[in-house]
Amino acid sequence: MTINIDEDNLKDGLLGLVIALVEVIQELLERQAVRRMESGSLSDAEVERLGMALIDLKESLDRIKSDNRLDDAVSSIRQGLDQIAEDLVDPFLDQEEGA
């Protein structure tokens, strides 16, 4: 039995998945940065460096998506990841509400 694999779709799907996962990590880093800023545990210089690093990361991700025409693929993957996360988290939230 022969399996036909479209290399372009495989590359786009894999790159789209990687970009989507990095975007999720970026969002988590942004949330953590906000928490640390609000708690006052970062100096002004650290806030500036962190902000610039997050902006650079976002611009790089946007450029990679644009250059490889992956906006739709990444959006689709993100929707799938969001649904998976929601399916995993909702049961825990439902338990807390019932407690």
C-alpha atoms as a PDB file:
ATOM      1  CA  MET A   1       0.000   0.000   0.000  1.00  0.00           C
ATOM      2  CA  THR A   2       1.380   3.397  -1.022  1.00  0.00           C
ATOM      3  CA  ILE A   3       0.663   6.567   0.901  1.00  0.00           C
ATOM      4  CA  ASN A   4       0.672   9.746  -1.133  1.00  0.00           C
ATOM      5  CA  ILE A   5       1.844  12.768   0.808  1.00  0.00           C
ATOM      6  CA  ASP A   6       1.564  16.267  -0.551  1.00  0.00           C
ATOM      7  CA  GLU A   7       4.843  17.806   0.618  1.00  0.00           C
ATOM      8  CA  ASP A   8       3.555  21.384   0.361  1.00  0.00           C
ATOM      9  CA  ASN A   9       0.507  20.676   2.520  1.00  0.00           C
ATOM     10  CA  LEU A  10       2.645  18.783   5.008  1.00  0.00           C
ATOM     11  CA  LYS A  11       5.157  21.654   5.199  1.00  0.00           C
ATOM     12  CA  ASP A  12       2.412  24.259   5.538  1.00  0.00           C
ATOM     13  CA  GLY A  13       0.602  22.239   8.178  1.00  0.00           C
ATOM     14  CA  LEU A  14       3.716  21.600  10.222  1.00  0.00           C
ATOM     15  CA  LEU A  15       4.949  25.179   9.968  1.00  0.00           C
ATOM     16  CA  GLY A  16       1.446  26.421  10.768  1.00  0.00           C
ATOM     17  CA  LEU A  17       1.356  24.216  13.866  1.00  0.00           C
ATOM     18  CA  VAL A  18       4.749  25.464  15.032  1.00  0.00           C
ATOM     19  CA  ILE A  19       3.737  29.097  14.509  1.00  0.00           C
ATOM     20  CA  ALA A  20       0.425  28.532  16.320  1.00  0.00           C
ATOM     21  CA  LEU A  21       2.202  26.954  19.291  1.00  0.00           C
ATOM     22  CA  VAL A  22       4.742  29.782  19.445  1.00  0.00           C
ATOM     23  CA  GLU A  23       1.858  32.280  19.384  1.00  0.00           C
ATOM     24  CA  VAL A  24       0.268  30.499  22.346  1.00  0.00           C
ATOM     25  CA  ILE A  25       3.577  30.620  24.213  1.00  0.00           C
ATOM     26  CA  GLN A  26       3.934  34.302  23.300  1.00  0.00           C
ATOM     27  CA  GLU A  27       0.513  35.059  24.776  1.00  0.00           C
ATOM     28  CA  LEU A  28       1.443  33.241  27.980  1.00  0.00           C
ATOM     29  CA  LEU A  29       4.684  35.212  28.176  1.00  0.00           C
ATOM     30  CA  GLU A  30       2.754  38.461  27.707  1.00  0.00           C
ATOM     31  CA  ARG A  31       0.363  37.568  30.521  1.00  0.00           C
ATOM     32  CA  GLN A  32       3.257  36.685  32.813  1.00  0.00           C
ATOM     33  CA  ALA A  33       5.007  39.936  31.904  1.00  0.00           C
ATOM     34  CA  VAL A  34       1.884  41.933  32.790  1.00  0.00           C
ATOM     35  CA  ARG A  35       1.626  40.131  36.139  1.00  0.00           C
ATOM     36  CA  ARG A  36       5.252  40.866  36.924  1.00  0.00           C
ATOM     37  CA  MET A  37       4.891  44.513  35.889  1.00  0.00           C
ATOM     38  CA  GLU A  38       1.787  44.921  38.022  1.00  0.00           C
ATOM     39  CA  SER A  39       3.521  43.343  41.013  1.00  0.00           C
ATOM     40  CA  GLY A  40       6.450  45.734  40.625  1.00  0.00           C
ATOM     41  CA  SER A  41       9.017  42.944  40.364  1.00  0.00           C
ATOM     42  CA  LEU A  42      10.534  44.345  37.143  1.00  0.00           C
ATOM     43  CA  SER A  43      12.725  47.396  36.801  1.00  0.00           C
ATOM     44  CA  ASP A  44      11.937  50.000  34.160  1.00  0.00           C
ATOM     45  CA  ALA A  45      14.839  48.699  32.052  1.00  0.00           C
ATOM     46  CA  GLU A  46      13.535  45.118  32.320  1.00  0.00           C
ATOM     47  CA  VAL A  47      10.041  46.225  31.317  1.00  0.00           C
ATOM     48  CA  GLU A  48      11.497  48.022  28.288  1.00  0.00           C
ATOM     49  CA  ARG A  49      13.620  45.023  27.215  1.00  0.00           C
ATOM     50  CA  LEU A  50      10.756  42.591  27.734  1.00  0.00           C
ATOM     51  CA  GLY A  51       8.356  44.784  25.785  1.00  0.00           C
ATOM     52  CA  MET A  52      10.779  45.105  22.873  1.00  0.00           C
ATOM     53  CA  ALA A  53      11.461  41.358  22.848  1.00  0.00           C
ATOM     54  CA  LEU A  54       7.729  40.564  22.733  1.00  0.00           C
ATOM     55  CA  ILE A  55       7.181  43.096  19.948  1.00  0.00           C
ATOM     56  CA  ASP A  56      10.092  41.613  17.962  1.00  0.00           C
ATOM     57  CA  LEU A  57       8.686  38.114  18.430  1.00  0.00           C
ATOM     58  CA  LYS A  58       5.232  39.167  17.233  1.00  0.00           C
ATOM     59  CA  GLU A  59       6.669  40.943  14.187  1.00  0.00           C
ATOM     60  CA  SER A  60       8.792  37.900  13.329  1.00  0.00           C
ATOM     61  CA  LEU A  61       5.814  35.567  13.601  1.00  0.00           C
ATOM     62  CA  ASP A  62       3.690  37.878  11.466  1.00  0.00           C
ATOM     63  CA  ARG A  63       6.449  38.054   8.845  1.00  0.00           C
ATOM     64  CA  ILE A  64       6.848  34.255   8.746  1.00  0.00           C
ATOM     65  CA  LYS A  65       3.076  33.819   8.380  1.00  0.00           C
ATOM     66  CA  SER A  66       2.910  36.433   5.638  1.00  0.00           C
ATOM     67  CA  ASP A  67       5.965  35.192   3.737  1.00  0.00           C
ATOM     68  CA  ASN A  68       4.628  31.632   3.731  1.00  0.00           C
ATOM     69  CA  ARG A  69       0.950  32.551   3.277  1.00  0.00           C
ATOM     70  CA  LEU A  70       0.062  30.758   6.515  1.00  0.00           C
ATOM     71  CA  ASP A  71      -2.443  33.173   8.041  1.00  0.00           C
ATOM     72  CA  ASP A  72      -5.422  30.916   7.328  1.00  0.00           C
ATOM     73  CA  ALA A  73      -3.604  27.739   8.371  1.00  0.00           C
ATOM     74  CA  VAL A  74      -2.461  29.258  11.662  1.00  0.00           C
ATOM     75  CA  SER A  75      -5.944  30.659  12.365  1.00  0.00           C
ATOM     76  CA  SER A  76      -7.485  27.253  11.746  1.00  0.00           C
ATOM     77  CA  ILE A  77      -4.952  25.511  13.987  1.00  0.00           C
ATOM     78  CA  ARG A  78      -5.434  28.143  16.722  1.00  0.00           C
ATOM     79  CA  GLN A  79      -9.197  27.575  16.627  1.00  0.00           C
ATOM     80  CA  GLY A  80      -8.606  23.853  17.021  1.00  0.00           C
ATOM     81  CA  LEU A  81      -6.163  24.405  19.884  1.00  0.00           C
ATOM     82  CA  ASP A  82      -8.567  26.818  21.563  1.00  0.00           C
ATOM     83  CA  GLN A  83     -11.355  24.237  21.339  1.00  0.00           C
ATOM     84  CA  ILE A  84      -9.119  21.518  22.803  1.00  0.00           C
ATOM     85  CA  ALA A  85      -8.092  23.813  25.661  1.00  0.00           C
ATOM     86  CA  GLU A  86     -11.707  24.742  26.300  1.00  0.00           C
ATOM     87  CA  ASP A  87     -12.726  21.070  26.331  1.00  0.00           C
ATOM     88  CA  LEU A  88      -9.974  20.329  28.861  1.00  0.00           C
ATOM     89  CA  VAL A  89     -10.588  23.315  31.135  1.00  0.00           C
ATOM     90  CA  ASP A  90     -14.402  23.429  31.189  1.00  0.00           C
ATOM     91  CA  PRO A  91     -14.822  20.239  33.251  1.00  0.00           C
ATOM     92  CA  PHE A  92     -12.564  21.702  35.953  1.00  0.00           C
ATOM     93  CA  LEU A  93     -14.473  24.972  35.976  1.00  0.00           C
ATOM     94  CA  ASP A  94     -17.768  23.083  36.177  1.00  0.00           C
ATOM     95  CA  GLN A  95     -16.458  21.160  39.213  1.00  0.00           C
ATOM     96  CA  GLU A  96     -15.450  24.392  40.950  1.00  0.00           C
ATOM     97  CA  GLU A  97     -18.869  25.945  40.345  1.00  0.00           C
ATOM     98  CA  GLY A  98     -20.567  22.884  41.823  1.00  0.00           C
ATOM     99  CA  ALA A  99     -18.358  22.875  44.911  1.00  0.00           C
END
